[in-house]
Every structure is written in C-alpha cells, then in structure tokens.
Amino acid sequence: MSVVFVMILLRLGLYVVRADYPSVNVLACLMVSLVLC
C-alpha cells in the first residue's frame, strides 16, 4: 500500500464528501479494508 495511492484516495474522498455525503461511509469501509489487506 503506497502512500501516494492513499493520498489519491483521500483527495477523491473529499470530492465524494462534497457531492454525496452518505458515500463517506462506503469510502471509509473501502479505506479500512485496503489498509488491513
């Protein structure tokens, strides 16, 4: 898991938050699963 990839996901997450707030929960689950894997 590269730091750059995480930063990109976080930036995409910020756009998702602005567009559709409920999507934050899904994004958080994806982030946790990726980090644990």
N, C-alpha and C. Protein backbone atom coordinates (compact mmCIF):
# COMPACT_ATOMS: atom_id res chain seq x y z
N MET A 1 0.86 -1.19 0.00
CA MET A 1 0.00 0.00 0.00
C MET A 1 0.89 1.24 0.00
N SER A 2 0.91 1.93 -1.12
CA SER A 2 1.77 3.11 -1.23
C SER A 2 1.09 4.35 -0.64
N VAL A 3 1.91 5.24 -0.12
CA VAL A 3 1.39 6.48 0.47
C VAL A 3 0.70 7.33 -0.59
N VAL A 4 1.28 7.34 -1.79
CA VAL A 4 0.71 8.14 -2.88
C VAL A 4 -0.71 7.68 -3.19
N PHE A 5 -0.90 6.35 -3.22
CA PHE A 5 -2.22 5.80 -3.52
C PHE A 5 -3.23 6.22 -2.45
N VAL A 6 -2.79 6.21 -1.20
CA VAL A 6 -3.67 6.61 -0.09
C VAL A 6 -4.05 8.08 -0.23
N MET A 7 -3.07 8.92 -0.56
CA MET A 7 -3.34 10.35 -0.72
C MET A 7 -4.34 10.60 -1.84
N ILE A 8 -4.19 9.84 -2.94
CA ILE A 8 -5.13 9.99 -4.06
C ILE A 8 -6.53 9.61 -3.62
N LEU A 9 -6.64 8.51 -2.86
CA LEU A 9 -7.95 8.07 -2.38
C LEU A 9 -8.56 9.13 -1.46
N LEU A 10 -7.72 9.73 -0.62
CA LEU A 10 -8.22 10.76 0.30
C LEU A 10 -8.73 11.97 -0.48
N ARG A 11 -8.00 12.36 -1.52
CA ARG A 11 -8.43 13.51 -2.32
C ARG A 11 -9.74 13.19 -3.04
N LEU A 12 -9.86 11.98 -3.56
CA LEU A 12 -11.10 11.57 -4.21
C LEU A 12 -12.22 11.56 -3.18
N GLY A 13 -11.89 11.15 -1.97
CA GLY A 13 -12.88 11.10 -0.89
C GLY A 13 -13.43 12.48 -0.59
N LEU A 14 -12.57 13.51 -0.64
CA LEU A 14 -13.03 14.87 -0.38
C LEU A 14 -14.04 15.30 -1.43
N TYR A 15 -13.81 14.92 -2.69
CA TYR A 15 -14.76 15.27 -3.75
C TYR A 15 -16.07 14.54 -3.52
N VAL A 16 -15.99 13.28 -3.05
CA VAL A 16 -17.20 12.49 -2.80
C VAL A 16 -18.00 13.13 -1.66
N VAL A 17 -17.30 13.62 -0.64
CA VAL A 17 -17.97 14.26 0.50
C VAL A 17 -18.78 15.46 0.03
N ARG A 18 -18.19 16.23 -0.88
CA ARG A 18 -18.88 17.43 -1.37
C ARG A 18 -20.07 17.05 -2.23
N ALA A 19 -19.96 15.95 -2.96
CA ALA A 19 -21.01 15.56 -3.89
C ALA A 19 -22.12 14.76 -3.20
N ASP A 20 -21.71 13.78 -2.38
CA ASP A 20 -22.71 12.89 -1.78
C ASP A 20 -22.22 12.44 -0.40
N TYR A 21 -22.69 13.10 0.64
CA TYR A 21 -22.21 12.83 1.99
C TYR A 21 -22.34 11.38 2.45
N PRO A 22 -23.48 10.69 2.19
CA PRO A 22 -23.62 9.29 2.65
C PRO A 22 -22.54 8.36 2.08
N SER A 23 -21.92 8.74 0.98
CA SER A 23 -20.89 7.90 0.38
C SER A 23 -19.65 7.81 1.25
N VAL A 24 -19.54 8.70 2.23
CA VAL A 24 -18.38 8.70 3.12
C VAL A 24 -18.26 7.37 3.85
N ASN A 25 -19.38 6.81 4.28
CA ASN A 25 -19.35 5.54 4.99
C ASN A 25 -18.78 4.43 4.12
N VAL A 26 -19.21 4.39 2.86
CA VAL A 26 -18.71 3.37 1.93
C VAL A 26 -17.22 3.57 1.69
N LEU A 27 -16.81 4.81 1.50
CA LEU A 27 -15.41 5.12 1.25
C LEU A 27 -14.56 4.73 2.45
N ALA A 28 -15.06 5.01 3.65
CA ALA A 28 -14.33 4.67 4.87
C ALA A 28 -14.14 3.17 4.97
N CYS A 29 -15.17 2.41 4.64
CA CYS A 29 -15.08 0.94 4.69
C CYS A 29 -14.04 0.45 3.69
N LEU A 30 -14.02 1.03 2.50
CA LEU A 30 -13.04 0.64 1.48
C LEU A 30 -11.62 0.96 1.95
N MET A 31 -11.44 2.13 2.54
CA MET A 31 -10.12 2.52 3.02
C MET A 31 -9.62 1.56 4.09
N VAL A 32 -10.50 1.22 5.04
CA VAL A 32 -10.12 0.31 6.13
C VAL A 32 -9.77 -1.06 5.58
N SER A 33 -10.58 -1.57 4.65
CA SER A 33 -10.33 -2.89 4.09
C SER A 33 -9.01 -2.92 3.31
N LEU A 34 -8.72 -1.83 2.58
CA LEU A 34 -7.47 -1.76 1.81
C LEU A 34 -6.26 -1.71 2.75
N VAL A 35 -6.38 -0.95 3.81
CA VAL A 35 -5.26 -0.82 4.76
C VAL A 35 -5.01 -2.15 5.47
N LEU A 36 -6.08 -2.86 5.84
CA LEU A 36 -5.93 -4.14 6.53
C LEU A 36 -5.39 -5.21 5.60
N CYS A 37 -5.67 -5.09 4.30
CA CYS A 37 -5.16 -6.06 3.33
C CYS A 37 -3.74 -5.67 2.94
